[in-house]
Amino acid sequence: MPHIAIIGGSGVGSLDIFEQKSEIEVQTPYGQPSDKIKILKFGGEEIAFLPRHGGKHTIPPHLVNYRANIYALKSLGVDTIISLSAVGSLKEEYKPKNIVLTDQFIDMTKSRKNTFYESDKVIHISAADPFCQQLRTIASAIPLIAHKKGTYVCVEGPRFSTRAESKLWRIMGADIIGMTLCPEAALAREQELCYLNIAAVTDYDVWAEKPVNNKEVVETMKHNIEKMKNILKELLPNIPKERTCECRSALKDAGF
């Protein structure tokens, strides 16, 4: 079974650089994942693919079953997740059509199930550096990634920000804004998975005085998809099967 999985976000319903081999329906203790998990082939290797919003993009960000998605991938033997996201920009230099390698997040979500540990034990994972440093080092060498760092503020959605909120996120130090990174990244860490987020900027958020238009977001995302494909072509062959990062021991000394 594949050890690498891709979770596709808005606009990434499929990736035609892969050959699809099969689909697997996975049951989890946390309910149904967003969709069947596709098993794809790339360069002789198998890759798992899961569309975060469902195959027909019918699941809004606040209703994605993040726990089921992460659990399902882990149950198949996946140890590495590449997360693809569409985001808005909170800084002038983070331009639409830029690709960002996220290195920090601010969680402003409100009602999501954000841990696997609710009753059986108390777990406090370290989130100081929430993304796999081994994967970030590999991805940082890819020229198509315009920004090697970026702080992602994750909001509840499904609405976009008010102007006041957008200005607040900027004051807080966020560079980009989206609705799906949390709790996905933290849940992956709780399962001791390597997790990398690659974010594609679709628009300037409303701090720039222009309301976000979903149609414009979708059109820009189409351009970003081609960049994402080329980034994956460079990234995937360089991901080692042996992990040397701290992700694999995230639960060590995390409990009581």
C-alpha atoms as a PDB file:
ATOM      1  CA  MET A   1       0.000   0.000   0.000  1.00  0.00           C
ATOM      2  CA  PRO A   2       1.155   3.607  -0.560  1.00  0.00           C
ATOM      3  CA  HIS A   3       3.089   5.402   2.160  1.00  0.00           C
ATOM      4  CA  ILE A   4       2.368   8.855   0.669  1.00  0.00           C
ATOM      5  CA  ALA A   5      -1.069  10.473   0.461  1.00  0.00           C
ATOM      6  CA  ILE A   6      -2.254  13.693  -1.132  1.00  0.00           C
ATOM      7  CA  ILE A   7      -5.236  15.513   0.314  1.00  0.00           C
ATOM      8  CA  GLY A   8      -6.647  17.780  -2.386  1.00  0.00           C
ATOM      9  CA  GLY A   9      -8.441  21.014  -1.555  1.00  0.00           C
ATOM     10  CA  SER A  10     -10.660  23.369  -3.540  1.00  0.00           C
ATOM     11  CA  GLY A  11     -10.011  23.020  -7.251  1.00  0.00           C
ATOM     12  CA  VAL A  12      -7.986  19.836  -6.799  1.00  0.00           C
ATOM     13  CA  GLY A  13     -10.640  17.230  -7.462  1.00  0.00           C
ATOM     14  CA  SER A  14      -8.221  15.110  -9.439  1.00  0.00           C
ATOM     15  CA  LEU A  15      -4.679  15.225 -10.764  1.00  0.00           C
ATOM     16  CA  ASP A  16      -4.136  14.002 -14.311  1.00  0.00           C
ATOM     17  CA  ILE A  17      -0.397  13.460 -13.825  1.00  0.00           C
ATOM     18  CA  PHE A  18      -1.325  10.179 -12.150  1.00  0.00           C
ATOM     19  CA  GLU A  19      -2.712   6.912 -13.418  1.00  0.00           C
ATOM     20  CA  GLN A  20      -5.642   5.733 -11.311  1.00  0.00           C
ATOM     21  CA  LYS A  21      -5.460   2.081 -10.306  1.00  0.00           C
ATOM     22  CA  SER A  22      -8.319   1.553  -7.859  1.00  0.00           C
ATOM     23  CA  GLU A  23     -10.563   3.035  -5.182  1.00  0.00           C
ATOM     24  CA  ILE A  24     -10.863   1.924  -1.576  1.00  0.00           C
ATOM     25  CA  GLU A  25     -13.811   2.596   0.708  1.00  0.00           C
ATOM     26  CA  VAL A  26     -12.581   2.854   4.292  1.00  0.00           C
ATOM     27  CA  GLN A  27     -14.716   2.658   7.430  1.00  0.00           C
ATOM     28  CA  THR A  28     -13.462   4.449  10.541  1.00  0.00           C
ATOM     29  CA  PRO A  29     -14.568   4.798  14.192  1.00  0.00           C
ATOM     30  CA  TYR A  30     -15.116   8.480  13.409  1.00  0.00           C
ATOM     31  CA  GLY A  31     -17.525   8.052  10.526  1.00  0.00           C
ATOM     32  CA  GLN A  32     -17.095   8.322   6.779  1.00  0.00           C
ATOM     33  CA  PRO A  33     -14.099  10.018   5.153  1.00  0.00           C
ATOM     34  CA  SER A  34     -14.805  12.705   2.563  1.00  0.00           C
ATOM     35  CA  ASP A  35     -14.725  10.162  -0.258  1.00  0.00           C
ATOM     36  CA  LYS A  36     -13.307   6.835  -1.346  1.00  0.00           C
ATOM     37  CA  ILE A  37      -9.526   6.869  -1.345  1.00  0.00           C
ATOM     38  CA  LYS A  38      -8.078   6.648  -4.833  1.00  0.00           C
ATOM     39  CA  ILE A  39      -4.917   4.612  -5.336  1.00  0.00           C
ATOM     40  CA  LEU A  40      -2.847   6.297  -8.024  1.00  0.00           C
ATOM     41  CA  LYS A  41       0.405   5.407  -9.718  1.00  0.00           C
ATOM     42  CA  PHE A  42       3.267   7.839 -10.274  1.00  0.00           C
ATOM     43  CA  GLY A  43       6.771   6.908 -11.375  1.00  0.00           C
ATOM     44  CA  GLY A  44       6.322   3.292 -10.356  1.00  0.00           C
ATOM     45  CA  GLU A  45       5.089   4.241  -6.883  1.00  0.00           C
ATOM     46  CA  GLU A  46       1.556   4.123  -5.518  1.00  0.00           C
ATOM     47  CA  ILE A  47       0.051   7.319  -4.082  1.00  0.00           C
ATOM     48  CA  ALA A  48      -3.195   7.637  -2.117  1.00  0.00           C
ATOM     49  CA  PHE A  49      -5.447  10.565  -3.012  1.00  0.00           C
ATOM     50  CA  LEU A  50      -8.366  11.924  -0.992  1.00  0.00           C
ATOM     51  CA  PRO A  51     -10.439  14.954  -2.078  1.00  0.00           C
ATOM     52  CA  ARG A  52     -11.021  16.921   1.121  1.00  0.00           C
ATOM     53  CA  HIS A  53     -14.399  18.294   0.015  1.00  0.00           C
ATOM     54  CA  GLY A  54     -15.624  15.082  -1.595  1.00  0.00           C
ATOM     55  CA  GLY A  55     -15.412  13.946  -5.196  1.00  0.00           C
ATOM     56  CA  LYS A  56     -18.016  16.485  -6.334  1.00  0.00           C
ATOM     57  CA  HIS A  57     -16.926  19.239  -3.932  1.00  0.00           C
ATOM     58  CA  THR A  58     -20.086  19.028  -1.837  1.00  0.00           C
ATOM     59  CA  ILE A  59     -18.605  19.165   1.697  1.00  0.00           C
ATOM     60  CA  PRO A  60     -18.053  22.675   3.108  1.00  0.00           C
ATOM     61  CA  PRO A  61     -14.889  23.266   5.149  1.00  0.00           C
ATOM     62  CA  HIS A  62     -16.621  23.349   8.544  1.00  0.00           C
ATOM     63  CA  LEU A  63     -18.273  19.964   7.892  1.00  0.00           C
ATOM     64  CA  VAL A  64     -15.252  18.022   6.611  1.00  0.00           C
ATOM     65  CA  ASN A  65     -14.741  14.926   8.763  1.00  0.00           C
ATOM     66  CA  TYR A  66     -11.077  15.611   9.399  1.00  0.00           C
ATOM     67  CA  ARG A  67     -10.669  12.822  11.955  1.00  0.00           C
ATOM     68  CA  ALA A  68     -12.108  10.206   9.603  1.00  0.00           C
ATOM     69  CA  ASN A  69      -9.880  11.426   6.756  1.00  0.00           C
ATOM     70  CA  ILE A  70      -6.656  11.228   8.764  1.00  0.00           C
ATOM     71  CA  TYR A  71      -7.593   7.948  10.436  1.00  0.00           C
ATOM     72  CA  ALA A  72      -8.508   6.347   7.095  1.00  0.00           C
ATOM     73  CA  LEU A  73      -5.174   7.264   5.531  1.00  0.00           C
ATOM     74  CA  LYS A  74      -3.215   6.043   8.555  1.00  0.00           C
ATOM     75  CA  SER A  75      -5.140   2.752   8.502  1.00  0.00           C
ATOM     76  CA  LEU A  76      -3.964   2.142   4.931  1.00  0.00           C
ATOM     77  CA  GLY A  77      -0.329   2.448   5.971  1.00  0.00           C
ATOM     78  CA  VAL A  78       0.213   6.064   4.926  1.00  0.00           C
ATOM     79  CA  ASP A  79       2.945   7.831   6.913  1.00  0.00           C
ATOM     80  CA  THR A  80       3.299  11.011   4.825  1.00  0.00           C
ATOM     81  CA  ILE A  81       0.598  13.501   3.809  1.00  0.00           C
ATOM     82  CA  ILE A  82       0.914  16.278   1.253  1.00  0.00           C
ATOM     83  CA  SER A  83      -1.921  18.748   1.822  1.00  0.00           C
ATOM     84  CA  LEU A  84      -2.932  21.073  -1.021  1.00  0.00           C
ATOM     85  CA  SER A  85      -4.948  24.195  -0.167  1.00  0.00           C
ATOM     86  CA  ALA A  86      -6.428  27.294  -1.766  1.00  0.00           C
ATOM     87  CA  VAL A  87      -5.867  30.424   0.323  1.00  0.00           C
ATOM     88  CA  GLY A  88      -6.388  34.162   0.345  1.00  0.00           C
ATOM     89  CA  SER A  89      -3.519  36.602   0.828  1.00  0.00           C
ATOM     90  CA  LEU A  90      -3.110  38.932   3.806  1.00  0.00           C
ATOM     91  CA  LYS A  91       0.124  40.519   2.591  1.00  0.00           C
ATOM     92  CA  GLU A  92       0.860  42.478  -0.575  1.00  0.00           C
ATOM     93  CA  GLU A  93       3.882  40.322  -1.397  1.00  0.00           C
ATOM     94  CA  TYR A  94       1.848  37.091  -1.270  1.00  0.00           C
ATOM     95  CA  LYS A  95       0.327  37.551  -4.687  1.00  0.00           C
ATOM     96  CA  PRO A  96      -2.492  35.622  -6.403  1.00  0.00           C
ATOM     97  CA  LYS A  97      -1.023  32.623  -8.267  1.00  0.00           C
ATOM     98  CA  ASN A  98       1.891  32.446  -5.784  1.00  0.00           C
ATOM     99  CA  ILE A  99       2.559  29.126  -4.069  1.00  0.00           C
ATOM    100  CA  VAL A 100       3.336  29.155  -0.336  1.00  0.00           C
ATOM    101  CA  LEU A 101       5.055  26.524   1.787  1.00  0.00           C
ATOM    102  CA  THR A 102       3.210  26.974   5.074  1.00  0.00           C
ATOM    103  CA  ASP A 103       5.377  26.846   8.204  1.00  0.00           C
ATOM    104  CA  GLN A 104       3.013  28.072  10.971  1.00  0.00           C
ATOM    105  CA  PHE A 105      -0.700  28.297  11.636  1.00  0.00           C
ATOM    106  CA  ILE A 106      -3.138  30.214  13.826  1.00  0.00           C
ATOM    107  CA  ASP A 107      -6.290  28.236  14.613  1.00  0.00           C
ATOM    108  CA  MET A 108      -9.424  30.408  14.733  1.00  0.00           C
ATOM    109  CA  THR A 109     -11.913  27.575  14.147  1.00  0.00           C
ATOM    110  CA  LYS A 110     -14.749  27.181  16.626  1.00  0.00           C
ATOM    111  CA  SER A 111     -16.708  23.952  16.424  1.00  0.00           C
ATOM    112  CA  ARG A 112     -14.523  21.229  14.936  1.00  0.00           C
ATOM    113  CA  LYS A 113     -13.456  17.942  16.488  1.00  0.00           C
ATOM    114  CA  ASN A 114      -9.788  18.742  16.876  1.00  0.00           C
ATOM    115  CA  THR A 115      -8.285  15.712  18.632  1.00  0.00           C
ATOM    116  CA  PHE A 116      -8.418  11.936  18.689  1.00  0.00           C
ATOM    117  CA  TYR A 117      -7.959  11.985  22.462  1.00  0.00           C
ATOM    118  CA  GLU A 118     -11.214  12.914  24.146  1.00  0.00           C
ATOM    119  CA  SER A 119     -11.757  10.480  27.014  1.00  0.00           C
ATOM    120  CA  ASP A 120      -9.274   7.611  27.264  1.00  0.00           C
ATOM    121  CA  LYS A 121      -6.146   9.662  27.966  1.00  0.00           C
ATOM    122  CA  VAL A 122      -4.791  13.206  28.055  1.00  0.00           C
ATOM    123  CA  ILE A 123      -2.351  13.994  25.250  1.00  0.00           C
ATOM    124  CA  HIS A 124      -0.496  17.266  24.664  1.00  0.00           C
ATOM    125  CA  ILE A 125       1.410  17.074  21.376  1.00  0.00           C
ATOM    126  CA  SER A 126       4.031  19.675  20.566  1.00  0.00           C
ATOM    127  CA  ALA A 127       2.862  22.086  17.868  1.00  0.00           C
ATOM    128  CA  ALA A 128       5.762  24.537  17.965  1.00  0.00           C
ATOM    129  CA  ASP A 129       6.772  23.475  14.457  1.00  0.00           C
ATOM    130  CA  PRO A 130       3.535  21.943  13.148  1.00  0.00           C
ATOM    131  CA  PHE A 131       4.810  20.778   9.761  1.00  0.00           C
ATOM    132  CA  CYS A 132       7.334  18.079   8.941  1.00  0.00           C
ATOM    133  CA  GLN A 133      10.767  19.680   8.855  1.00  0.00           C
ATOM    134  CA  GLN A 134      12.195  16.922   6.669  1.00  0.00           C
ATOM    135  CA  LEU A 135       9.500  17.492   4.029  1.00  0.00           C
ATOM    136  CA  ARG A 136       9.821  21.278   4.287  1.00  0.00           C
ATOM    137  CA  THR A 137      13.552  21.052   3.585  1.00  0.00           C
ATOM    138  CA  ILE A 138      12.930  18.954   0.469  1.00  0.00           C
ATOM    139  CA  ALA A 139      10.104  21.174  -0.802  1.00  0.00           C
ATOM    140  CA  SER A 140      12.008  24.407  -0.152  1.00  0.00           C
ATOM    141  CA  ALA A 141      14.362  23.553  -3.020  1.00  0.00           C
ATOM    142  CA  ILE A 142      11.542  23.697  -5.587  1.00  0.00           C
ATOM    143  CA  PRO A 143      11.745  27.004  -7.550  1.00  0.00           C
ATOM    144  CA  LEU A 144       7.998  27.160  -8.292  1.00  0.00           C
ATOM    145  CA  ILE A 145       7.305  27.730  -4.596  1.00  0.00           C
ATOM    146  CA  ALA A 146       7.447  31.517  -4.313  1.00  0.00           C
ATOM    147  CA  HIS A 147       7.327  31.717  -0.515  1.00  0.00           C
ATOM    148  CA  LYS A 148       9.238  29.207   1.605  1.00  0.00           C
ATOM    149  CA  LYS A 149       7.443  30.387   4.752  1.00  0.00           C
ATOM    150  CA  GLY A 150       3.919  31.532   5.525  1.00  0.00           C
ATOM    151  CA  THR A 151       1.650  31.737   8.553  1.00  0.00           C
ATOM    152  CA  TYR A 152      -1.818  30.397   7.737  1.00  0.00           C
ATOM    153  CA  VAL A 153      -4.777  31.625   9.815  1.00  0.00           C
ATOM    154  CA  CYS A 154      -7.531  29.028   9.635  1.00  0.00           C
ATOM    155  CA  VAL A 155     -11.073  30.372  10.072  1.00  0.00           C
ATOM    156  CA  GLU A 156     -14.306  28.470  10.529  1.00  0.00           C
ATOM    157  CA  GLY A 157     -16.067  29.360   7.287  1.00  0.00           C
ATOM    158  CA  PRO A 158     -17.968  28.789   5.168  1.00  0.00           C
ATOM    159  CA  ARG A 159     -18.272  32.573   4.884  1.00  0.00           C
ATOM    160  CA  PHE A 160     -15.332  34.785   4.020  1.00  0.00           C
ATOM    161  CA  SER A 161     -13.964  37.353   6.471  1.00  0.00           C
ATOM    162  CA  THR A 162     -15.428  40.735   7.296  1.00  0.00           C
ATOM    163  CA  ARG A 163     -13.121  43.678   6.594  1.00  0.00           C
ATOM    164  CA  ALA A 164     -12.515  44.097  10.334  1.00  0.00           C
ATOM    165  CA  GLU A 165     -11.565  40.433  10.715  1.00  0.00           C
ATOM    166  CA  SER A 166      -9.243  40.544   7.714  1.00  0.00           C
ATOM    167  CA  LYS A 167      -7.399  43.531   9.186  1.00  0.00           C
ATOM    168  CA  LEU A 168      -7.187  41.717  12.549  1.00  0.00           C
ATOM    169  CA  TRP A 169      -5.590  38.644  10.951  1.00  0.00           C
ATOM    170  CA  ARG A 170      -2.922  40.931   9.479  1.00  0.00           C
ATOM    171  CA  ILE A 171      -2.220  42.469  12.891  1.00  0.00           C
ATOM    172  CA  MET A 172      -1.917  38.960  14.337  1.00  0.00           C
ATOM    173  CA  GLY A 173       0.915  38.226  11.908  1.00  0.00           C
ATOM    174  CA  ALA A 174      -0.825  35.898   9.443  1.00  0.00           C
ATOM    175  CA  ASP A 175       0.288  35.865   5.812  1.00  0.00           C
ATOM    176  CA  ILE A 176      -2.458  33.738   4.262  1.00  0.00           C
ATOM    177  CA  ILE A 177      -5.986  32.713   5.191  1.00  0.00           C
ATOM    178  CA  GLY A 178      -7.996  29.560   4.581  1.00  0.00           C
ATOM    179  CA  MET A 179     -10.609  27.265   6.092  1.00  0.00           C
ATOM    180  CA  THR A 180      -9.199  23.730   6.076  1.00  0.00           C
ATOM    181  CA  LEU A 181      -5.731  23.477   7.636  1.00  0.00           C
ATOM    182  CA  CYS A 182      -7.091  23.057  11.156  1.00  0.00           C
ATOM    183  CA  PRO A 183      -7.550  20.598  12.722  1.00  0.00           C
ATOM    184  CA  GLU A 184      -6.138  18.509   9.859  1.00  0.00           C
ATOM    185  CA  ALA A 185      -2.486  19.343  10.580  1.00  0.00           C
ATOM    186  CA  ALA A 186      -2.764  18.676  14.318  1.00  0.00           C
ATOM    187  CA  LEU A 187      -4.658  15.425  13.793  1.00  0.00           C
ATOM    188  CA  ALA A 188      -1.915  14.214  11.470  1.00  0.00           C
ATOM    189  CA  ARG A 189       0.640  14.983  14.172  1.00  0.00           C
ATOM    190  CA  GLU A 190      -1.418  13.034  16.728  1.00  0.00           C
ATOM    191  CA  GLN A 191      -1.190  10.042  14.380  1.00  0.00           C
ATOM    192  CA  GLU A 192       2.578  10.573  14.065  1.00  0.00           C
ATOM    193  CA  LEU A 193       2.290  11.288  10.344  1.00  0.00           C
ATOM    194  CA  CYS A 194       4.565  13.584   8.367  1.00  0.00           C
ATOM    195  CA  TYR A 195       2.441  16.478   7.117  1.00  0.00           C
ATOM    196  CA  LEU A 196       3.252  19.221   4.610  1.00  0.00           C
ATOM    197  CA  ASN A 197       0.938  22.012   3.450  1.00  0.00           C
ATOM    198  CA  ILE A 198       1.358  23.617   0.038  1.00  0.00           C
ATOM    199  CA  ALA A 199      -0.960  26.607  -0.336  1.00  0.00           C
ATOM    200  CA  ALA A 200      -1.962  28.304  -3.596  1.00  0.00           C
ATOM    201  CA  VAL A 201      -2.943  31.972  -3.323  1.00  0.00           C
ATOM    202  CA  THR A 202      -6.149  32.748  -5.201  1.00  0.00           C
ATOM    203  CA  ASP A 203      -6.929  36.335  -4.155  1.00  0.00           C
ATOM    204  CA  TYR A 204      -6.230  39.204  -1.784  1.00  0.00           C
ATOM    205  CA  ASP A 205      -8.493  38.983   1.239  1.00  0.00           C
ATOM    206  CA  VAL A 206     -10.835  41.937   1.926  1.00  0.00           C
ATOM    207  CA  TRP A 207      -8.211  44.004   3.793  1.00  0.00           C
ATOM    208  CA  ALA A 208      -7.322  45.093   0.254  1.00  0.00           C
ATOM    209  CA  GLU A 209     -10.797  46.716   0.063  1.00  0.00           C
ATOM    210  CA  LYS A 210     -12.083  44.424  -2.685  1.00  0.00           C
ATOM    211  CA  PRO A 211     -14.675  41.813  -1.593  1.00  0.00           C
ATOM    212  CA  VAL A 212     -13.694  38.197  -2.222  1.00  0.00           C
ATOM    213  CA  ASN A 213     -15.531  36.802  -5.222  1.00  0.00           C
ATOM    214  CA  ASN A 214     -15.808  33.010  -5.331  1.00  0.00           C
ATOM    215  CA  LYS A 215     -15.911  32.971  -9.148  1.00  0.00           C
ATOM    216  CA  GLU A 216     -12.567  34.799  -9.304  1.00  0.00           C
ATOM    217  CA  VAL A 217     -11.122  32.414  -6.738  1.00  0.00           C
ATOM    218  CA  VAL A 218     -12.089  29.398  -8.841  1.00  0.00           C
ATOM    219  CA  GLU A 219     -10.651  30.923 -12.034  1.00  0.00           C
ATOM    220  CA  THR A 220      -7.314  31.713 -10.390  1.00  0.00           C
ATOM    221  CA  MET A 221      -7.192  28.246  -8.865  1.00  0.00           C
ATOM    222  CA  LYS A 222      -7.286  26.731 -12.345  1.00  0.00           C
ATOM    223  CA  HIS A 223      -3.969  28.449 -13.076  1.00  0.00           C
ATOM    224  CA  ASN A 224      -2.562  27.314  -9.746  1.00  0.00           C
ATOM    225  CA  ILE A 225      -3.406  23.670 -10.439  1.00  0.00           C
ATOM    226  CA  GLU A 226      -0.789  23.508 -13.197  1.00  0.00           C
ATOM    227  CA  LYS A 227       1.840  24.808 -10.797  1.00  0.00           C
ATOM    228  CA  MET A 228       0.752  22.285  -8.176  1.00  0.00           C
ATOM    229  CA  LYS A 229       1.146  19.440 -10.671  1.00  0.00           C
ATOM    230  CA  ASN A 230       4.684  20.516 -11.542  1.00  0.00           C
ATOM    231  CA  ILE A 231       5.586  20.915  -7.871  1.00  0.00           C
ATOM    232  CA  LEU A 232       4.342  17.399  -7.142  1.00  0.00           C
ATOM    233  CA  LYS A 233       6.385  16.041 -10.059  1.00  0.00           C
ATOM    234  CA  GLU A 234       9.518  17.434  -8.402  1.00  0.00           C
ATOM    235  CA  LEU A 235       8.560  16.714  -4.814  1.00  0.00           C
ATOM    236  CA  LEU A 236       7.258  13.142  -4.862  1.00  0.00           C
ATOM    237  CA  PRO A 237      10.386  11.392  -6.246  1.00  0.00           C
ATOM    238  CA  ASN A 238      12.473  13.059  -3.521  1.00  0.00           C
ATOM    239  CA  ILE A 239      10.411  11.942  -0.531  1.00  0.00           C
ATOM    240  CA  PRO A 240      12.378   9.172   1.199  1.00  0.00           C
ATOM    241  CA  LYS A 241      10.683   6.048   2.482  1.00  0.00           C
ATOM    242  CA  GLU A 242      12.735   6.222   5.656  1.00  0.00           C
ATOM    243  CA  ARG A 243      11.641   9.029   7.954  1.00  0.00           C
ATOM    244  CA  THR A 244      14.281  10.780  10.057  1.00  0.00           C
ATOM    245  CA  CYS A 245      12.066  13.573  11.394  1.00  0.00           C
ATOM    246  CA  GLU A 246      10.451  14.028  14.806  1.00  0.00           C
ATOM    247  CA  CYS A 247       6.922  13.440  13.434  1.00  0.00           C
ATOM    248  CA  ARG A 248       7.241   9.694  13.874  1.00  0.00           C
ATOM    249  CA  SER A 249       7.699  10.104  17.643  1.00  0.00           C
ATOM    250  CA  ALA A 250       5.225  12.935  18.258  1.00  0.00           C
ATOM    251  CA  LEU A 251       3.458  11.010  21.032  1.00  0.00           C
ATOM    252  CA  LYS A 252       6.628  10.300  22.963  1.00  0.00           C
ATOM    253  CA  ASP A 253       6.368  12.075  26.320  1.00  0.00           C
ATOM    254  CA  ALA A 254       3.064  13.663  25.181  1.00  0.00           C
ATOM    255  CA  GLY A 255       0.849  11.849  27.675  1.00  0.00           C
ATOM    256  CA  PHE A 256       0.439  11.466  31.404  1.00  0.00           C
END
